[in-house]
C-alpha cells in the first residue's frame, strides 16, 4: 500500500484559499490546518470537542487535548498560531451552548465520523486539484516539515502520538534534494 502524498507549503496555502471559498469554508480550513500544522489523524479530528480547544473561561486553552484515536493514548499539543487563528474564526460562525459539544459538525448538526472526515478531506483535495491526496497527507506533511525544519524525531513522535520511533520514521519523506543537502554537510 502506498503512502499518502506530502503536501507542499504552496499546495497547503492554495488549498486553504480554495476551500475557504466554499459553504463550510472556515470549518474545512480548520480541519485542514489541524491536520497539516498539528498532525492529527482524521479520527482524532472527529473526536474533538469544543472543550478540547476552549477553556472554562471561554478562551482558547494553551494546549489542544487530543483524545485517543488509533492508539489508546491521549496527548496534549501546544496550539499552532495558524490553527488558533482559523479555529477562532470558525467558532464565531455557530452557536454552541456546551463545551462538550463536537467541534466539527455536519450541516444537520451531527458529529463527523472518521469516515465523513475522510470524505470531507477527499472533497477538499479534489477541489484543490490534488485528487490523489487523503486526510493522512496533512499528517505525513506535518512530520516531514518538522523534520526538514530540524525537529528531533522524538519530538515528532510525541506530536504524532506514535508509540514507536520506527513508525514516525515511516511518515517522514526524504527527497533527493534532502539527501544532497545532507551529503553536502560532510
N, C-alpha and C. Protein backbone atom coordinates (compact mmCIF):
# COMPACT_ATOMS: atom_id res chain seq x y z
N UNK A 1 0.85 -1.18 0.00
CA UNK A 1 0.00 0.00 0.00
C UNK A 1 0.89 1.24 0.00
N UNK A 2 0.61 2.16 -0.89
CA UNK A 2 1.43 3.37 -0.98
C UNK A 2 1.02 4.38 0.10
N UNK A 3 1.96 5.23 0.44
CA UNK A 3 1.70 6.23 1.47
C UNK A 3 1.02 7.45 0.86
N UNK A 4 0.31 8.18 1.72
CA UNK A 4 -0.35 9.41 1.28
C UNK A 4 0.71 10.41 0.82
N UNK A 5 0.45 11.11 -0.28
CA UNK A 5 1.42 12.10 -0.76
C UNK A 5 1.60 13.25 0.23
N UNK A 6 2.77 13.87 0.17
CA UNK A 6 3.10 15.02 1.01
C UNK A 6 2.55 16.30 0.35
N UNK A 7 2.00 17.17 1.17
CA UNK A 7 1.51 18.47 0.70
C UNK A 7 2.62 19.48 0.90
N UNK A 8 2.94 20.22 -0.15
CA UNK A 8 3.94 21.28 0.00
C UNK A 8 3.29 22.50 0.66
N UNK A 9 4.12 23.41 1.11
CA UNK A 9 3.63 24.65 1.71
C UNK A 9 2.79 25.44 0.70
N UNK A 10 3.23 25.46 -0.55
CA UNK A 10 2.50 26.16 -1.62
C UNK A 10 1.13 25.51 -1.84
N UNK A 11 1.09 24.18 -1.90
CA UNK A 11 -0.17 23.46 -2.09
C UNK A 11 -1.11 23.70 -0.91
N UNK A 12 -0.55 23.70 0.30
CA UNK A 12 -1.36 23.95 1.50
C UNK A 12 -2.00 25.34 1.43
N UNK A 13 -1.21 26.35 1.09
CA UNK A 13 -1.74 27.71 1.00
C UNK A 13 -2.83 27.81 -0.06
N UNK A 14 -2.61 27.14 -1.19
CA UNK A 14 -3.62 27.11 -2.26
C UNK A 14 -4.90 26.43 -1.77
N UNK A 15 -4.75 25.29 -1.09
CA UNK A 15 -5.92 24.58 -0.56
C UNK A 15 -6.69 25.44 0.43
N UNK A 16 -5.98 26.12 1.32
CA UNK A 16 -6.64 26.98 2.31
C UNK A 16 -7.47 28.06 1.61
N UNK A 17 -6.93 28.59 0.53
CA UNK A 17 -7.64 29.62 -0.23
C UNK A 17 -8.87 29.03 -0.92
N UNK A 18 -8.70 27.90 -1.58
CA UNK A 18 -9.77 27.28 -2.35
C UNK A 18 -10.91 26.80 -1.44
N UNK A 19 -10.56 26.08 -0.36
CA UNK A 19 -11.62 25.56 0.50
C UNK A 19 -12.30 26.67 1.29
N UNK A 20 -11.59 27.76 1.49
CA UNK A 20 -12.17 28.90 2.21
C UNK A 20 -13.32 29.55 1.47
N UNK A 21 -13.42 29.29 0.17
CA UNK A 21 -14.48 29.88 -0.64
C UNK A 21 -15.78 29.09 -0.57
N UNK A 22 -15.73 27.87 -0.05
CA UNK A 22 -16.90 27.01 -0.01
C UNK A 22 -17.88 27.38 1.09
N UNK A 23 -19.02 26.71 1.07
CA UNK A 23 -20.09 26.95 2.04
C UNK A 23 -19.63 26.73 3.48
N UNK A 24 -18.80 25.74 3.68
CA UNK A 24 -18.27 25.42 5.01
C UNK A 24 -16.79 25.74 5.08
N UNK A 25 -16.41 26.85 4.48
CA UNK A 25 -15.00 27.21 4.32
C UNK A 25 -14.20 27.25 5.60
N UNK A 26 -14.69 27.93 6.62
CA UNK A 26 -13.93 28.05 7.86
C UNK A 26 -13.82 26.71 8.59
N UNK A 27 -14.87 25.92 8.53
CA UNK A 27 -14.82 24.58 9.13
C UNK A 27 -13.76 23.74 8.43
N UNK A 28 -13.81 23.73 7.11
CA UNK A 28 -12.88 22.92 6.33
C UNK A 28 -11.45 23.42 6.48
N UNK A 29 -11.26 24.74 6.49
CA UNK A 29 -9.92 25.30 6.71
C UNK A 29 -9.39 24.89 8.08
N UNK A 30 -10.26 24.88 9.08
CA UNK A 30 -9.86 24.49 10.43
C UNK A 30 -9.39 23.05 10.46
N UNK A 31 -10.14 22.15 9.83
CA UNK A 31 -9.75 20.74 9.79
C UNK A 31 -8.43 20.56 9.06
N UNK A 32 -8.27 21.26 7.93
CA UNK A 32 -7.04 21.16 7.15
C UNK A 32 -5.85 21.68 7.96
N UNK A 33 -6.03 22.80 8.64
CA UNK A 33 -4.94 23.37 9.44
C UNK A 33 -4.55 22.44 10.59
N UNK A 34 -5.53 21.83 11.24
CA UNK A 34 -5.25 20.91 12.34
C UNK A 34 -4.47 19.70 11.85
N UNK A 35 -4.81 19.21 10.67
CA UNK A 35 -4.10 18.07 10.09
C UNK A 35 -2.68 18.45 9.68
N UNK A 36 -2.55 19.54 8.96
CA UNK A 36 -1.27 19.95 8.37
C UNK A 36 -0.32 20.59 9.38
N UNK A 37 -0.85 21.39 10.27
CA UNK A 37 0.01 22.14 11.21
C UNK A 37 0.20 21.45 12.56
N UNK A 38 -0.68 20.46 12.89
CA UNK A 38 -0.56 19.79 14.18
C UNK A 38 -0.50 18.27 14.07
N UNK A 39 -0.71 17.73 12.85
CA UNK A 39 -0.50 16.31 12.60
C UNK A 39 -1.56 15.36 13.12
N UNK A 40 -2.80 15.83 13.31
CA UNK A 40 -3.84 14.94 13.84
C UNK A 40 -4.38 14.00 12.77
N UNK A 41 -4.78 12.82 13.21
CA UNK A 41 -5.45 11.83 12.35
C UNK A 41 -6.90 12.26 12.14
N UNK A 42 -7.53 11.72 11.10
CA UNK A 42 -8.94 12.00 10.83
C UNK A 42 -9.81 11.62 12.03
N UNK A 43 -9.57 10.46 12.62
CA UNK A 43 -10.34 10.02 13.78
C UNK A 43 -10.17 10.94 14.98
N UNK A 44 -8.96 11.47 15.15
CA UNK A 44 -8.71 12.40 16.26
C UNK A 44 -9.43 13.72 16.02
N UNK A 45 -9.47 14.15 14.78
CA UNK A 45 -10.20 15.39 14.45
C UNK A 45 -11.69 15.19 14.72
N UNK A 46 -12.22 14.04 14.34
CA UNK A 46 -13.65 13.79 14.55
C UNK A 46 -13.99 13.70 16.04
N UNK A 47 -13.03 13.30 16.87
CA UNK A 47 -13.27 13.16 18.31
C UNK A 47 -13.15 14.47 19.09
N UNK A 48 -12.70 15.54 18.44
CA UNK A 48 -12.50 16.80 19.16
C UNK A 48 -13.84 17.40 19.61
N UNK A 49 -13.86 17.84 20.84
CA UNK A 49 -14.98 18.62 21.38
C UNK A 49 -14.53 20.05 21.57
N UNK A 50 -15.47 20.95 21.73
CA UNK A 50 -15.13 22.35 21.94
C UNK A 50 -14.25 22.51 23.17
N UNK A 51 -14.51 21.72 24.23
CA UNK A 51 -13.72 21.82 25.47
C UNK A 51 -12.27 21.39 25.28
N UNK A 52 -11.96 20.72 24.18
CA UNK A 52 -10.58 20.32 23.91
C UNK A 52 -9.75 21.49 23.39
N UNK A 53 -10.44 22.57 23.00
CA UNK A 53 -9.74 23.76 22.49
C UNK A 53 -10.09 25.03 23.27
N UNK A 54 -11.26 25.06 23.89
CA UNK A 54 -11.73 26.24 24.63
C UNK A 54 -11.81 25.88 26.11
N UNK A 55 -11.26 26.75 26.96
CA UNK A 55 -11.30 26.52 28.40
C UNK A 55 -12.62 26.97 29.01
N UNK A 56 -12.76 26.74 30.30
CA UNK A 56 -13.99 27.13 31.02
C UNK A 56 -14.25 28.63 30.97
N UNK A 57 -13.17 29.40 30.80
CA UNK A 57 -13.31 30.86 30.76
C UNK A 57 -13.76 31.37 29.39
N UNK A 58 -13.93 30.46 28.42
CA UNK A 58 -14.37 30.84 27.08
C UNK A 58 -13.24 31.23 26.15
N UNK A 59 -12.01 31.16 26.61
CA UNK A 59 -10.85 31.50 25.80
C UNK A 59 -10.14 30.21 25.36
N UNK A 60 -9.29 30.36 24.35
CA UNK A 60 -8.52 29.21 23.89
C UNK A 60 -7.67 28.67 25.03
N UNK A 61 -7.62 27.34 25.10
CA UNK A 61 -6.69 26.70 26.03
C UNK A 61 -5.27 26.91 25.49
N UNK A 62 -4.27 26.73 26.32
CA UNK A 62 -2.88 26.81 25.86
C UNK A 62 -2.51 25.61 25.00
N UNK A 63 -3.20 24.50 25.25
CA UNK A 63 -2.93 23.27 24.52
C UNK A 63 -4.24 22.67 24.01
N UNK A 64 -4.12 21.88 22.96
CA UNK A 64 -5.27 21.13 22.45
C UNK A 64 -5.21 19.73 23.06
N UNK A 65 -6.31 19.30 23.64
CA UNK A 65 -6.38 17.96 24.19
C UNK A 65 -6.83 17.02 23.08
N UNK A 66 -6.01 16.03 22.78
CA UNK A 66 -6.29 15.07 21.70
C UNK A 66 -6.63 13.73 22.34
N UNK A 67 -7.89 13.33 22.18
CA UNK A 67 -8.34 12.06 22.73
C UNK A 67 -7.79 10.90 21.92
N UNK A 68 -7.72 9.73 22.55
CA UNK A 68 -7.20 8.57 21.82
C UNK A 68 -7.97 8.32 20.53
N UNK A 69 -7.24 8.10 19.49
CA UNK A 69 -7.85 7.74 18.21
C UNK A 69 -7.45 6.33 17.90
N UNK A 70 -6.43 6.19 17.08
CA UNK A 70 -5.95 4.88 16.68
C UNK A 70 -5.24 4.18 17.85
N UNK A 71 -4.56 4.97 18.68
CA UNK A 71 -3.87 4.40 19.84
C UNK A 71 -4.75 4.57 21.07
N UNK A 72 -4.30 4.03 22.17
CA UNK A 72 -5.07 4.12 23.42
C UNK A 72 -4.61 5.30 24.28
N UNK A 73 -3.76 6.16 23.72
CA UNK A 73 -3.16 7.23 24.49
C UNK A 73 -3.67 8.60 24.05
N UNK A 74 -4.04 9.42 25.02
CA UNK A 74 -4.38 10.80 24.71
C UNK A 74 -3.08 11.61 24.78
N UNK A 75 -3.13 12.82 24.26
CA UNK A 75 -1.97 13.70 24.33
C UNK A 75 -2.43 15.15 24.29
N UNK A 76 -1.56 16.03 24.74
CA UNK A 76 -1.83 17.47 24.65
C UNK A 76 -0.78 18.08 23.76
N UNK A 77 -1.22 18.95 22.87
CA UNK A 77 -0.31 19.62 21.95
C UNK A 77 -0.45 21.13 22.08
N UNK A 78 0.66 21.85 22.09
CA UNK A 78 0.55 23.31 22.05
C UNK A 78 -0.13 23.72 20.74
N UNK A 79 -0.93 24.76 20.79
CA UNK A 79 -1.60 25.23 19.59
C UNK A 79 -0.61 25.87 18.63
N UNK A 80 -0.76 25.57 17.37
CA UNK A 80 -0.06 26.32 16.33
C UNK A 80 -0.86 27.60 16.14
N UNK A 81 -0.17 28.73 16.00
CA UNK A 81 -0.86 30.02 15.88
C UNK A 81 -1.83 30.08 14.71
N UNK A 82 -1.44 29.48 13.57
CA UNK A 82 -2.33 29.47 12.40
C UNK A 82 -3.62 28.71 12.70
N UNK A 83 -3.51 27.63 13.47
CA UNK A 83 -4.69 26.85 13.83
C UNK A 83 -5.60 27.68 14.74
N UNK A 84 -5.02 28.33 15.71
CA UNK A 84 -5.81 29.18 16.62
C UNK A 84 -6.57 30.25 15.84
N UNK A 85 -5.89 30.86 14.89
CA UNK A 85 -6.49 31.94 14.10
C UNK A 85 -7.72 31.46 13.33
N UNK A 86 -7.58 30.38 12.57
CA UNK A 86 -8.69 29.90 11.75
C UNK A 86 -9.78 29.27 12.62
N UNK A 87 -9.39 28.58 13.69
CA UNK A 87 -10.38 27.99 14.60
C UNK A 87 -11.21 29.07 15.29
N UNK A 88 -10.55 30.16 15.66
CA UNK A 88 -11.27 31.27 16.28
C UNK A 88 -12.34 31.83 15.37
N UNK A 89 -12.00 31.99 14.10
CA UNK A 89 -12.98 32.48 13.11
C UNK A 89 -14.11 31.46 12.94
N UNK A 90 -13.74 30.18 12.88
CA UNK A 90 -14.74 29.13 12.72
C UNK A 90 -15.71 29.11 13.91
N UNK A 91 -15.20 29.18 15.12
CA UNK A 91 -16.04 29.11 16.31
C UNK A 91 -17.01 30.28 16.42
N UNK A 92 -16.70 31.39 15.76
CA UNK A 92 -17.60 32.55 15.74
C UNK A 92 -18.79 32.33 14.81
N UNK A 93 -18.74 31.30 13.97
CA UNK A 93 -19.78 31.11 12.95
C UNK A 93 -20.98 30.31 13.42
N UNK A 94 -20.90 29.68 14.58
CA UNK A 94 -22.06 28.92 15.03
C UNK A 94 -22.23 29.05 16.53
N UNK A 95 -23.45 28.85 16.97
CA UNK A 95 -23.75 28.94 18.40
C UNK A 95 -23.48 27.60 19.07
N UNK A 96 -22.75 27.64 20.14
CA UNK A 96 -22.55 26.44 20.94
C UNK A 96 -22.89 26.79 22.37
N UNK A 97 -23.52 25.86 23.02
CA UNK A 97 -24.04 26.10 24.36
C UNK A 97 -23.26 25.34 25.42
N UNK A 98 -22.61 24.29 25.02
CA UNK A 98 -21.95 23.41 25.96
C UNK A 98 -20.59 23.06 25.36
N UNK A 99 -19.53 23.20 26.13
CA UNK A 99 -18.21 22.91 25.58
C UNK A 99 -17.98 21.42 25.35
N UNK A 100 -18.90 20.57 25.78
CA UNK A 100 -18.79 19.14 25.50
C UNK A 100 -19.36 18.78 24.13
N UNK A 101 -19.84 19.77 23.41
CA UNK A 101 -20.35 19.54 22.06
C UNK A 101 -19.20 19.28 21.10
N UNK A 102 -19.46 18.55 20.00
CA UNK A 102 -18.42 18.30 19.00
C UNK A 102 -17.90 19.60 18.40
N UNK A 103 -16.62 19.64 18.13
CA UNK A 103 -16.02 20.82 17.50
C UNK A 103 -16.44 20.92 16.03
N UNK A 104 -16.49 19.79 15.36
CA UNK A 104 -16.86 19.80 13.94
C UNK A 104 -18.16 19.04 13.75
N UNK A 105 -19.11 19.74 13.17
CA UNK A 105 -20.44 19.16 12.96
C UNK A 105 -20.86 19.30 11.50
N UNK A 106 -21.73 18.41 11.11
CA UNK A 106 -22.27 18.43 9.75
C UNK A 106 -23.36 19.49 9.64
N UNK A 107 -23.90 19.64 8.45
CA UNK A 107 -24.98 20.61 8.23
C UNK A 107 -26.21 20.31 9.07
N UNK A 108 -26.37 19.05 9.44
CA UNK A 108 -27.54 18.67 10.25
C UNK A 108 -27.21 18.65 11.74
N UNK A 109 -26.02 19.16 12.09
CA UNK A 109 -25.66 19.30 13.49
C UNK A 109 -25.11 18.06 14.17
N UNK A 110 -24.71 17.07 13.40
CA UNK A 110 -24.18 15.83 13.98
C UNK A 110 -22.66 15.82 13.92
N UNK A 111 -22.04 15.12 14.88
CA UNK A 111 -20.59 14.94 14.90
C UNK A 111 -20.16 14.18 13.64
N UNK A 112 -19.07 14.60 13.06
CA UNK A 112 -18.49 13.86 11.95
C UNK A 112 -17.88 12.56 12.47
N UNK A 113 -18.01 11.51 11.70
CA UNK A 113 -17.30 10.27 11.99
C UNK A 113 -15.95 10.34 11.29
N UNK A 114 -15.08 9.38 11.58
CA UNK A 114 -13.79 9.32 10.90
C UNK A 114 -13.99 9.23 9.39
N UNK A 115 -14.94 8.42 8.95
CA UNK A 115 -15.15 8.25 7.50
C UNK A 115 -15.71 9.51 6.85
N UNK A 116 -16.56 10.26 7.56
CA UNK A 116 -17.06 11.50 6.97
C UNK A 116 -15.96 12.56 6.93
N UNK A 117 -15.07 12.56 7.92
CA UNK A 117 -13.91 13.47 7.88
C UNK A 117 -13.04 13.12 6.67
N UNK A 118 -12.82 11.82 6.45
CA UNK A 118 -12.04 11.39 5.28
C UNK A 118 -12.69 11.87 3.98
N UNK A 119 -14.01 11.79 3.91
CA UNK A 119 -14.74 12.23 2.71
C UNK A 119 -14.62 13.75 2.53
N UNK A 120 -14.68 14.49 3.62
CA UNK A 120 -14.52 15.96 3.54
C UNK A 120 -13.12 16.29 3.00
N UNK A 121 -12.10 15.60 3.53
CA UNK A 121 -10.73 15.83 3.05
C UNK A 121 -10.62 15.48 1.57
N UNK A 122 -11.22 14.38 1.16
CA UNK A 122 -11.17 13.97 -0.26
C UNK A 122 -11.76 15.07 -1.15
N UNK A 123 -12.93 15.62 -0.72
CA UNK A 123 -13.55 16.72 -1.49
C UNK A 123 -12.65 17.95 -1.52
N UNK A 124 -12.02 18.27 -0.38
CA UNK A 124 -11.14 19.44 -0.33
C UNK A 124 -9.98 19.27 -1.31
N UNK A 125 -9.36 18.09 -1.30
CA UNK A 125 -8.21 17.87 -2.18
C UNK A 125 -8.63 17.86 -3.65
N UNK A 126 -9.77 17.29 -3.95
CA UNK A 126 -10.25 17.32 -5.34
C UNK A 126 -10.51 18.75 -5.78
N UNK A 127 -11.12 19.53 -4.90
CA UNK A 127 -11.39 20.95 -5.19
C UNK A 127 -10.10 21.71 -5.44
N UNK A 128 -9.04 21.33 -4.74
CA UNK A 128 -7.74 21.99 -4.88
C UNK A 128 -6.86 21.40 -5.97
N UNK A 129 -7.40 20.45 -6.75
CA UNK A 129 -6.63 19.87 -7.85
C UNK A 129 -5.63 18.80 -7.41
N UNK A 130 -5.87 18.20 -6.25
CA UNK A 130 -4.97 17.16 -5.72
C UNK A 130 -5.77 15.88 -5.43
N UNK A 131 -6.32 15.24 -6.47
CA UNK A 131 -7.23 14.11 -6.24
C UNK A 131 -6.60 12.88 -5.61
N UNK A 132 -5.27 12.73 -5.65
CA UNK A 132 -4.62 11.55 -5.09
C UNK A 132 -4.26 11.71 -3.61
N UNK A 133 -4.57 12.85 -3.03
CA UNK A 133 -4.22 13.12 -1.65
C UNK A 133 -5.35 12.66 -0.73
N UNK A 134 -5.01 12.44 0.55
CA UNK A 134 -6.01 11.96 1.51
C UNK A 134 -5.86 12.70 2.83
N UNK A 135 -6.73 12.37 3.77
CA UNK A 135 -6.67 13.01 5.09
C UNK A 135 -5.32 12.75 5.75
N UNK A 136 -4.67 11.67 5.41
CA UNK A 136 -3.37 11.35 6.01
C UNK A 136 -2.24 12.19 5.41
N UNK A 137 -2.48 12.85 4.28
CA UNK A 137 -1.45 13.68 3.65
C UNK A 137 -1.03 14.82 4.57
N UNK A 138 -1.98 15.43 5.26
CA UNK A 138 -1.64 16.52 6.19
C UNK A 138 -0.75 16.03 7.31
N UNK A 139 -1.06 14.89 7.84
CA UNK A 139 -0.30 14.30 8.95
C UNK A 139 1.14 13.97 8.52
N UNK A 140 1.28 13.32 7.37
CA UNK A 140 2.63 13.00 6.86
C UNK A 140 3.39 14.27 6.52
N UNK A 141 2.68 15.27 6.00
CA UNK A 141 3.33 16.54 5.66
C UNK A 141 3.83 17.24 6.91
N UNK A 142 3.04 17.20 7.97
CA UNK A 142 3.44 17.79 9.24
C UNK A 142 4.75 17.16 9.72
N UNK A 143 4.81 15.84 9.71
CA UNK A 143 6.01 15.13 10.16
C UNK A 143 7.22 15.48 9.29
N UNK A 144 7.02 15.50 7.99
CA UNK A 144 8.11 15.78 7.06
C UNK A 144 8.61 17.21 7.23
N UNK A 145 7.69 18.17 7.35
CA UNK A 145 8.11 19.56 7.51
C UNK A 145 8.83 19.79 8.84
N UNK A 146 8.33 19.16 9.91
CA UNK A 146 9.01 19.28 11.20
C UNK A 146 10.44 18.75 11.09
N UNK A 147 10.61 17.62 10.41
CA UNK A 147 11.92 17.04 10.23
C UNK A 147 12.82 17.98 9.42
N UNK A 148 12.30 18.52 8.32
CA UNK A 148 13.09 19.43 7.47
C UNK A 148 13.51 20.68 8.22
N UNK A 149 12.68 21.09 9.18
CA UNK A 149 13.00 22.31 9.93
C UNK A 149 13.82 22.01 11.19
N UNK A 150 14.29 20.76 11.30
CA UNK A 150 15.24 20.43 12.34
C UNK A 150 14.67 19.86 13.63
N UNK A 151 13.38 19.54 13.67
CA UNK A 151 12.80 18.96 14.89
C UNK A 151 13.38 17.56 15.12
N UNK A 152 13.66 17.26 16.34
CA UNK A 152 14.15 15.95 16.73
C UNK A 152 13.06 14.90 16.47
N UNK A 153 13.46 13.72 16.01
CA UNK A 153 12.47 12.68 15.70
C UNK A 153 11.65 12.28 16.93
N UNK A 154 12.23 12.37 18.11
CA UNK A 154 11.49 12.06 19.35
C UNK A 154 10.37 13.08 19.57
N UNK A 155 10.62 14.33 19.24
CA UNK A 155 9.60 15.38 19.35
C UNK A 155 8.48 15.12 18.34
N UNK A 156 8.86 14.77 17.12
CA UNK A 156 7.87 14.47 16.08
C UNK A 156 7.03 13.27 16.51
N UNK A 157 7.65 12.27 17.09
CA UNK A 157 6.94 11.09 17.60
C UNK A 157 5.88 11.51 18.61
N UNK A 158 6.23 12.39 19.53
CA UNK A 158 5.28 12.85 20.56
C UNK A 158 4.13 13.63 19.93
N UNK A 159 4.44 14.48 18.98
CA UNK A 159 3.41 15.27 18.31
C UNK A 159 2.41 14.36 17.60
N UNK A 160 2.92 13.36 16.90
CA UNK A 160 2.05 12.45 16.15
C UNK A 160 1.36 11.42 17.05
N UNK A 161 1.86 11.24 18.26
CA UNK A 161 1.24 10.28 19.17
C UNK A 161 1.63 8.84 18.88
N UNK A 162 2.78 8.65 18.25
CA UNK A 162 3.26 7.30 17.96
C UNK A 162 3.92 6.70 19.20
N UNK A 163 3.80 5.39 19.35
CA UNK A 163 4.49 4.70 20.43
C UNK A 163 5.88 4.25 19.99
N UNK A 164 6.14 4.26 18.70
CA UNK A 164 7.41 3.78 18.16
C UNK A 164 8.04 4.83 17.24
N UNK A 165 9.34 5.04 17.45
CA UNK A 165 10.07 5.96 16.56
C UNK A 165 10.13 5.39 15.14
N UNK A 166 10.15 4.07 15.03
CA UNK A 166 10.18 3.43 13.71
C UNK A 166 8.94 3.82 12.90
N UNK A 167 7.79 3.89 13.57
CA UNK A 167 6.57 4.32 12.87
C UNK A 167 6.71 5.77 12.42
N UNK A 168 7.22 6.62 13.30
CA UNK A 168 7.40 8.03 12.95
C UNK A 168 8.32 8.17 11.75
N UNK A 169 9.39 7.39 11.72
CA UNK A 169 10.35 7.47 10.62
C UNK A 169 9.69 7.15 9.28
N UNK A 170 8.70 6.25 9.29
CA UNK A 170 7.99 5.91 8.05
C UNK A 170 7.17 7.07 7.49
N UNK A 171 6.80 7.99 8.35
CA UNK A 171 6.00 9.14 7.93
C UNK A 171 6.82 10.20 7.22
N UNK A 172 8.10 10.25 7.52
CA UNK A 172 8.95 11.34 7.05
C UNK A 172 9.47 11.03 5.66
N UNK A 173 9.23 11.93 4.75
CA UNK A 173 9.66 11.78 3.36
C UNK A 173 11.03 12.42 3.18
N UNK A 174 11.91 11.75 2.49
CA UNK A 174 13.23 12.29 2.16
C UNK A 174 13.35 12.37 0.64
N UNK A 175 13.54 13.59 0.13
CA UNK A 175 13.67 13.80 -1.31
C UNK A 175 15.15 13.72 -1.71
N UNK A 176 15.40 13.67 -3.01
CA UNK A 176 16.78 13.70 -3.49
C UNK A 176 17.48 14.98 -3.04
N UNK A 177 16.74 16.06 -3.01
CA UNK A 177 17.29 17.34 -2.54
C UNK A 177 17.72 17.22 -1.08
N UNK A 178 16.90 16.58 -0.26
CA UNK A 178 17.24 16.37 1.16
C UNK A 178 18.52 15.55 1.28
N UNK A 179 18.64 14.50 0.47
CA UNK A 179 19.83 13.65 0.50
C UNK A 179 21.07 14.45 0.12
N UNK A 180 20.94 15.27 -0.93
CA UNK A 180 22.06 16.10 -1.38
C UNK A 180 22.48 17.10 -0.31
N UNK A 181 21.50 17.73 0.34
CA UNK A 181 21.83 18.70 1.40
C UNK A 181 22.52 18.00 2.57
N UNK A 182 22.10 16.79 2.89
CA UNK A 182 22.75 16.05 3.98
C UNK A 182 24.19 15.71 3.62
N UNK A 183 24.40 15.25 2.38
CA UNK A 183 25.76 14.89 1.96
C UNK A 183 26.66 16.10 1.87
N UNK A 184 26.10 17.26 1.55
CA UNK A 184 26.89 18.49 1.47
C UNK A 184 27.41 18.92 2.84
N UNK A 185 26.86 18.39 3.90
CA UNK A 185 27.29 18.75 5.26
C UNK A 185 28.60 18.05 5.66
N UNK A 186 29.01 17.07 4.85
CA UNK A 186 30.23 16.31 5.17
C UNK A 186 31.45 17.11 4.75
